[in-house]
Protein backbone atom coordinates (compact mmCIF):
# COMPACT_ATOMS: atom_id res chain seq x y z
CA MET A 1 25.84 -20.76 12.59
CA GLN A 2 23.42 -23.53 11.79
CA ARG A 3 23.42 -26.23 14.40
CA GLN A 4 24.10 -28.92 11.79
CA ALA A 5 27.36 -27.11 10.99
CA ILE A 6 28.18 -27.01 14.71
CA LEU A 7 27.64 -30.76 14.89
CA GLN A 8 30.01 -31.28 11.97
CA GLN A 9 32.71 -29.46 13.95
CA PHE A 10 31.76 -31.56 17.01
CA ASN A 11 32.16 -34.73 14.93
CA ASP A 12 35.55 -33.50 13.70
CA ALA A 13 36.68 -32.99 17.32
CA TRP A 14 35.68 -36.58 18.08
CA CYS A 15 37.62 -37.89 15.06
CA ALA A 16 40.66 -35.96 16.33
CA LYS A 17 40.08 -37.39 19.83
CA ASP A 18 40.42 -33.82 21.13
CA LEU A 19 38.81 -33.88 24.58
CA GLU A 20 38.99 -30.13 25.18
CA ALA A 21 37.49 -29.35 21.78
CA ILE A 22 34.68 -31.88 22.37
CA LEU A 23 33.87 -30.37 25.77
CA SER A 24 33.80 -26.85 24.34
CA PHE A 25 30.55 -27.73 22.54
CA PHE A 26 28.62 -28.32 25.80
CA THR A 27 26.95 -25.92 28.23
CA GLU A 28 28.15 -26.12 31.86
CA ASP A 29 24.88 -27.82 32.86
CA ALA A 30 24.69 -30.18 29.88
CA GLU A 31 23.40 -33.73 30.07
CA TYR A 32 24.80 -36.62 27.99
CA ILE A 33 22.94 -39.92 28.00
CA ASN A 34 23.82 -43.14 26.22
CA ILE A 35 20.34 -44.61 26.50
CA PRO A 36 21.31 -48.27 27.02
CA MET A 37 23.81 -47.27 29.72
CA ASP A 38 23.23 -45.97 33.21
CA PRO A 39 23.53 -43.40 34.73
CA PRO A 40 23.26 -40.20 32.67
CA ASN A 41 26.25 -37.86 32.70
CA ARG A 42 25.17 -34.50 34.11
CA GLY A 43 27.35 -31.41 34.06
CA LEU A 44 30.72 -30.90 32.44
CA ALA A 45 32.70 -32.77 35.13
CA GLU A 46 30.71 -36.01 34.62
CA ILE A 47 30.70 -35.60 30.84
CA ARG A 48 34.48 -35.02 30.90
CA ALA A 49 35.09 -38.13 33.02
CA PHE A 50 32.98 -40.32 30.74
CA ILE A 51 34.37 -39.04 27.44
CA GLU A 52 37.96 -39.04 28.70
CA GLY A 53 37.63 -42.68 29.75
CA PHE A 54 35.98 -43.64 26.47
CA LEU A 55 38.58 -41.83 24.33
CA GLY A 56 41.31 -43.57 26.31
CA MET A 57 40.03 -46.95 25.13
CA LEU A 58 39.81 -45.96 21.45
CA ASP A 59 42.31 -46.30 18.67
CA SER A 60 40.02 -44.17 16.47
CA ILE A 61 36.42 -43.08 16.02
CA GLU A 62 34.46 -41.64 13.10
CA PHE A 63 30.84 -40.49 13.00
CA ILE A 64 29.29 -41.21 9.59
CA VAL A 65 26.05 -39.23 9.39
CA HIS A 66 23.47 -40.74 7.02
CA LYS A 67 20.49 -38.48 7.68
CA GLN A 68 20.17 -35.35 9.78
CA VAL A 69 17.31 -32.97 10.48
CA GLU A 70 17.19 -29.68 12.32
CA GLN A 71 14.17 -27.96 13.78
CA GLY A 72 14.51 -25.04 16.14
CA ASP A 73 16.89 -26.00 18.96
CA LEU A 74 16.85 -29.70 18.05
CA VAL A 75 19.06 -31.72 15.68
CA MET A 76 18.54 -35.44 15.16
CA ASN A 77 20.83 -37.68 13.19
CA GLU A 78 21.00 -41.27 12.07
CA ARG A 79 24.62 -42.32 11.89
CA THR A 80 27.17 -45.08 12.07
CA ASP A 81 29.88 -44.71 14.67
CA ARG A 82 32.94 -46.49 13.30
CA ILE A 83 35.01 -47.42 16.34
CA GLU A 84 38.45 -49.01 16.43
CA MET A 85 39.49 -50.34 19.83
CA ASN A 86 41.65 -53.17 21.07
CA GLY A 87 42.40 -54.22 17.49
CA LYS A 88 38.69 -54.61 16.79
CA SER A 89 36.45 -52.61 14.44
CA ILE A 90 32.83 -51.90 15.32
CA ASP A 91 30.24 -50.20 13.10
CA LEU A 92 27.58 -49.09 15.56
CA ALA A 93 24.19 -47.89 14.29
CA VAL A 94 23.20 -44.83 16.36
CA MET A 95 20.30 -42.40 16.56
CA GLY A 96 21.47 -39.13 18.12
CA VAL A 97 19.30 -36.38 19.56
CA PHE A 98 20.96 -33.04 20.31
CA GLU A 99 19.24 -30.14 22.05
CA PHE A 100 20.90 -26.74 21.89
CA ARG A 101 20.90 -23.60 23.97
CA GLY A 102 22.33 -20.97 21.68
CA ASP A 103 25.27 -22.59 19.91
CA LYS A 104 26.03 -25.13 22.68
CA ILE A 105 24.72 -28.64 23.34
CA VAL A 106 22.57 -28.74 26.46
CA LYS A 107 21.31 -32.34 26.03
CA TRP A 108 22.68 -35.21 23.98
CA ARG A 109 20.99 -38.60 23.83
CA ASP A 110 22.35 -41.51 21.81
CA TYR A 111 20.20 -44.58 21.15
CA PHE A 112 21.97 -47.78 20.11
CA ASP A 113 21.96 -51.54 20.69
CA MET A 114 24.45 -52.24 23.49
CA ALA A 115 24.81 -55.86 22.31
CA ALA A 116 26.23 -54.61 19.01
CA PHE A 117 28.83 -52.62 20.94
CA THR A 118 29.90 -55.40 23.28
CA GLN A 119 30.14 -58.29 20.76
């Protein structure tokens, strides 16, 4: 399966707020980094804790992919994360970088302006 198609399924799992489905896309030793935040999340236990906490704050989330490119084990996308939380709507511009090992995500880096998220 093309990795872009895998990411579409990953995005669908996020929209469904399905923690187990989201985690199934990662390798055991994966790393997930929100660049403006510290520290990185390394391994499935840390990734689970972060995503579970984040999903718990959300009313809904949608990833709207504007552009996406794939080369070898790398997929990069420019997207808007539409987030509903605490009665507030946020459209967050994000640049995502996904590295794959086989059909699983081994590294995920998201670049965004933290100020836009916290306003």
